[in-house]
Every structure is written in C-alpha cells, then in structure tokens.
Amino acid sequence: MRTTQRSDASGASAVERIVEWERGRQEQLGRIKDTFVEVTKPGQVDLASISVALKLLRTLARR
C-alpha cells in the first residue's frame, strides 16, 4: 500500500482527511460494520442482508 503526504488546500494530509471523514460518519460506519458481521456469519447466505449492506455502503460512499 502506498501512502501520500500530499496536503489539500487546508494543509491536511490524506490520512488526516480520512480520519475527519470517518469521525463525521461513525454512526453509519458502525451500522455497516454490524451488517457485514451479520452477513459474513457462517451458515446460510441471506441475499437480502447482503443487498442491504451494499446499499448502506454505496450510500455512505456517495456522501
């Protein structure tokens, strides 16, 4: 994995911007993590749960 130290106009590095982005979305990220834990449990595959998890992830990525 490559990292970059480049900054944006505000002087924040890429890592700092990611941390800030995560801080503003902790609730949504928590929901997505919980959903993926449910989806990846051993046993029967539940396509509805997978669909919900992907929809949550897409919605979060668009913001």
Protein backbone atom coordinates (compact mmCIF):
# COMPACT_ATOMS: atom_id res chain seq x y z
CA MET A 1 0.00 0.00 0.00
CA ARG A 2 1.32 3.40 -0.94
CA THR A 3 0.79 6.40 1.27
CA THR A 4 1.00 10.03 0.37
CA GLN A 5 1.93 13.02 2.40
CA ARG A 6 0.38 15.49 -0.03
CA SER A 7 -1.87 18.06 1.54
CA ASP A 8 -5.00 19.74 0.29
CA ALA A 9 -5.64 23.48 0.24
CA SER A 10 -6.29 23.47 4.00
CA GLY A 11 -2.94 21.78 4.69
CA ALA A 12 -4.49 18.47 5.81
CA SER A 13 -2.77 15.27 4.71
CA ALA A 14 -4.70 12.43 3.10
CA VAL A 15 -4.68 10.49 6.37
CA GLU A 16 -6.00 13.48 8.29
CA ARG A 17 -8.81 13.93 5.75
CA ILE A 18 -9.77 10.24 6.03
CA VAL A 19 -9.81 10.42 9.84
CA GLU A 20 -12.00 13.52 9.68
CA TRP A 21 -14.34 11.82 7.17
CA GLU A 22 -14.66 8.79 9.49
CA ARG A 23 -15.37 10.99 12.52
CA GLY A 24 -18.32 12.56 10.75
CA ARG A 25 -19.76 9.17 9.83
CA GLN A 26 -19.20 6.99 12.90
CA GLU A 27 -22.85 6.02 13.25
CA GLN A 28 -23.18 4.96 9.60
CA LEU A 29 -19.86 3.11 9.67
CA GLY A 30 -20.96 1.27 12.81
CA ARG A 31 -24.20 0.18 11.13
CA ILE A 32 -22.34 -1.03 8.07
CA LYS A 33 -19.81 -2.96 10.18
CA ASP A 34 -22.61 -4.61 12.17
CA THR A 35 -24.44 -5.53 8.98
CA PHE A 36 -21.32 -7.06 7.42
CA VAL A 37 -20.70 -9.07 10.60
CA GLU A 38 -24.21 -10.49 10.25
CA VAL A 39 -23.79 -11.17 6.54
CA THR A 40 -20.45 -12.97 6.94
CA LYS A 41 -21.57 -15.33 9.71
CA PRO A 42 -21.20 -18.99 8.81
CA GLY A 43 -24.36 -20.67 7.61
CA GLN A 44 -26.98 -19.97 5.02
CA VAL A 45 -26.36 -16.96 2.77
CA ASP A 46 -29.01 -14.27 3.08
CA LEU A 47 -29.06 -12.26 -0.13
CA ALA A 48 -31.41 -9.67 1.36
CA SER A 49 -28.88 -8.87 4.10
CA ILE A 50 -26.07 -8.64 1.57
CA SER A 51 -28.17 -6.27 -0.52
CA VAL A 52 -28.85 -4.04 2.49
CA ALA A 53 -25.17 -3.98 3.43
CA LEU A 54 -24.14 -2.98 -0.08
CA LYS A 55 -26.82 -0.29 -0.26
CA LEU A 56 -25.61 1.21 3.04
CA LEU A 57 -22.03 1.18 1.78
CA ARG A 58 -22.94 2.80 -1.56
CA THR A 59 -24.96 5.49 0.19
CA LEU A 60 -22.09 6.28 2.53
CA ALA A 61 -19.55 6.39 -0.31
CA ARG A 62 -21.66 8.92 -2.25
CA ARG A 63 -21.71 11.43 0.61
